[in-house]
Amino acid sequence: MNIELDIDELVIHGLTVQDPDQLKSVVSAELARLLAKQGLPPALTQGGVLPSLSGGAVTIRPGTPERSVGSQIANAVYGSFSR
């Protein structure tokens, strides 16, 4: 199975990051890891495009490293695939 993941825009309200491109890269890499490890949720096995997706809410404490922030965001987005 070949999975293509393309994030055109990552919108995060209430969070200021120093390097948005790095955060986007971390989120993409973590989502790819989750998809490889846990697979696609049944709702996405037929393929298609999701024009938008709400990852829900995450709580991020001040000073949290961007790598951890990206991982939390990716896990929230992956969890929303099944909603």
C-alpha atoms as a PDB file:
ATOM      1  CA  MET A   1       0.000   0.000   0.000  1.00  0.00           C
ATOM      2  CA  ASN A   2       1.257   3.436  -0.921  1.00  0.00           C
ATOM      3  CA  ILE A   3       0.117   6.360   1.217  1.00  0.00           C
ATOM      4  CA  GLU A   4       0.676   9.918   0.072  1.00  0.00           C
ATOM      5  CA  LEU A   5       0.388  12.623   2.711  1.00  0.00           C
ATOM      6  CA  ASP A   6       0.463  16.254   1.659  1.00  0.00           C
ATOM      7  CA  ILE A   7      -0.208  19.042   4.136  1.00  0.00           C
ATOM      8  CA  ASP A   8      -0.825  22.242   2.197  1.00  0.00           C
ATOM      9  CA  GLU A   9      -1.574  24.358   5.226  1.00  0.00           C
ATOM     10  CA  LEU A  10      -1.339  23.705   8.940  1.00  0.00           C
ATOM     11  CA  VAL A  11      -3.494  26.141  10.927  1.00  0.00           C
ATOM     12  CA  ILE A  12      -2.990  26.195  14.679  1.00  0.00           C
ATOM     13  CA  HIS A  13      -4.859  28.773  16.702  1.00  0.00           C
ATOM     14  CA  GLY A  14      -3.286  30.184  19.845  1.00  0.00           C
ATOM     15  CA  LEU A  15       0.236  28.887  19.237  1.00  0.00           C
ATOM     16  CA  THR A  16       3.271  30.890  18.184  1.00  0.00           C
ATOM     17  CA  VAL A  17       6.247  28.916  16.908  1.00  0.00           C
ATOM     18  CA  GLN A  18       9.713  30.082  15.974  1.00  0.00           C
ATOM     19  CA  ASP A  19      10.035  27.806  12.944  1.00  0.00           C
ATOM     20  CA  PRO A  20       6.694  26.953  11.295  1.00  0.00           C
ATOM     21  CA  ASP A  21       8.401  24.889   8.581  1.00  0.00           C
ATOM     22  CA  GLN A  22      10.089  22.710  11.194  1.00  0.00           C
ATOM     23  CA  LEU A  23       6.780  22.195  12.997  1.00  0.00           C
ATOM     24  CA  LYS A  24       5.108  21.206   9.717  1.00  0.00           C
ATOM     25  CA  SER A  25       7.953  18.748   9.044  1.00  0.00           C
ATOM     26  CA  VAL A  26       7.639  17.214  12.506  1.00  0.00           C
ATOM     27  CA  VAL A  27       3.865  16.844  12.148  1.00  0.00           C
ATOM     28  CA  SER A  28       4.269  15.252   8.704  1.00  0.00           C
ATOM     29  CA  ALA A  29       6.964  12.836   9.897  1.00  0.00           C
ATOM     30  CA  GLU A  30       4.978  11.797  12.966  1.00  0.00           C
ATOM     31  CA  LEU A  31       1.796  11.299  10.921  1.00  0.00           C
ATOM     32  CA  ALA A  32       3.746   9.159   8.461  1.00  0.00           C
ATOM     33  CA  ARG A  33       5.122   7.106  11.363  1.00  0.00           C
ATOM     34  CA  LEU A  34       1.654   6.624  12.848  1.00  0.00           C
ATOM     35  CA  LEU A  35       0.192   5.619   9.491  1.00  0.00           C
ATOM     36  CA  ALA A  36       3.010   3.140   8.885  1.00  0.00           C
ATOM     37  CA  LYS A  37       2.706   1.637  12.374  1.00  0.00           C
ATOM     38  CA  GLN A  38      -1.069   1.687  12.890  1.00  0.00           C
ATOM     39  CA  GLY A  39      -2.326   1.824   9.303  1.00  0.00           C
ATOM     40  CA  LEU A  40      -5.185   3.727   7.806  1.00  0.00           C
ATOM     41  CA  PRO A  41      -8.462   3.965   9.654  1.00  0.00           C
ATOM     42  CA  PRO A  42     -11.245   2.075   7.828  1.00  0.00           C
ATOM     43  CA  ALA A  43     -12.900   5.309   6.685  1.00  0.00           C
ATOM     44  CA  LEU A  44      -9.807   6.182   4.627  1.00  0.00           C
ATOM     45  CA  THR A  45      -8.931   2.824   3.076  1.00  0.00           C
ATOM     46  CA  GLN A  46     -10.715   3.656  -0.197  1.00  0.00           C
ATOM     47  CA  GLY A  47      -8.520   6.708  -0.742  1.00  0.00           C
ATOM     48  CA  GLY A  48      -9.603  10.219  -1.495  1.00  0.00           C
ATOM     49  CA  VAL A  49      -8.869  13.745  -0.451  1.00  0.00           C
ATOM     50  CA  LEU A  50      -9.741  15.446   2.806  1.00  0.00           C
ATOM     51  CA  PRO A  51     -10.029  19.157   2.012  1.00  0.00           C
ATOM     52  CA  SER A  52      -9.855  19.994   5.707  1.00  0.00           C
ATOM     53  CA  LEU A  53      -9.608  18.183   8.986  1.00  0.00           C
ATOM     54  CA  SER A  54      -9.975  19.329  12.568  1.00  0.00           C
ATOM     55  CA  GLY A  55      -7.457  17.709  14.846  1.00  0.00           C
ATOM     56  CA  GLY A  56      -9.340  18.823  17.922  1.00  0.00           C
ATOM     57  CA  ALA A  57      -7.668  20.437  20.898  1.00  0.00           C
ATOM     58  CA  VAL A  58      -4.300  19.798  22.470  1.00  0.00           C
ATOM     59  CA  THR A  59      -2.850  21.363  25.594  1.00  0.00           C
ATOM     60  CA  ILE A  60       0.668  22.678  25.175  1.00  0.00           C
ATOM     61  CA  ARG A  61       2.589  24.190  28.042  1.00  0.00           C
ATOM     62  CA  PRO A  62       4.868  27.187  27.474  1.00  0.00           C
ATOM     63  CA  GLY A  63       8.413  26.129  26.660  1.00  0.00           C
ATOM     64  CA  THR A  64       7.425  22.752  25.178  1.00  0.00           C
ATOM     65  CA  PRO A  65       9.941  21.867  22.435  1.00  0.00           C
ATOM     66  CA  GLU A  66       8.560  22.117  18.902  1.00  0.00           C
ATOM     67  CA  ARG A  67       9.310  18.417  18.325  1.00  0.00           C
ATOM     68  CA  SER A  68       6.961  17.527  21.204  1.00  0.00           C
ATOM     69  CA  VAL A  69       4.373  20.037  20.016  1.00  0.00           C
ATOM     70  CA  GLY A  70       4.486  18.515  16.535  1.00  0.00           C
ATOM     71  CA  SER A  71       4.087  15.019  17.931  1.00  0.00           C
ATOM     72  CA  GLN A  72       1.052  16.032  19.984  1.00  0.00           C
ATOM     73  CA  ILE A  73      -0.546  17.723  16.977  1.00  0.00           C
ATOM     74  CA  ALA A  74       0.102  14.687  14.750  1.00  0.00           C
ATOM     75  CA  ASN A  75      -1.450  12.340  17.308  1.00  0.00           C
ATOM     76  CA  ALA A  76      -4.526  14.580  17.547  1.00  0.00           C
ATOM     77  CA  VAL A  77      -4.873  14.675  13.763  1.00  0.00           C
ATOM     78  CA  TYR A  78      -4.389  10.915  13.449  1.00  0.00           C
ATOM     79  CA  GLY A  79      -7.048  10.376  16.118  1.00  0.00           C
ATOM     80  CA  SER A  80      -9.446  12.606  14.196  1.00  0.00           C
ATOM     81  CA  PHE A  81      -9.222  10.321  11.131  1.00  0.00           C
ATOM     82  CA  SER A  82     -11.568   7.951  12.954  1.00  0.00           C
ATOM     83  CA  ARG A  83     -14.100  10.591  14.006  1.00  0.00           C
END
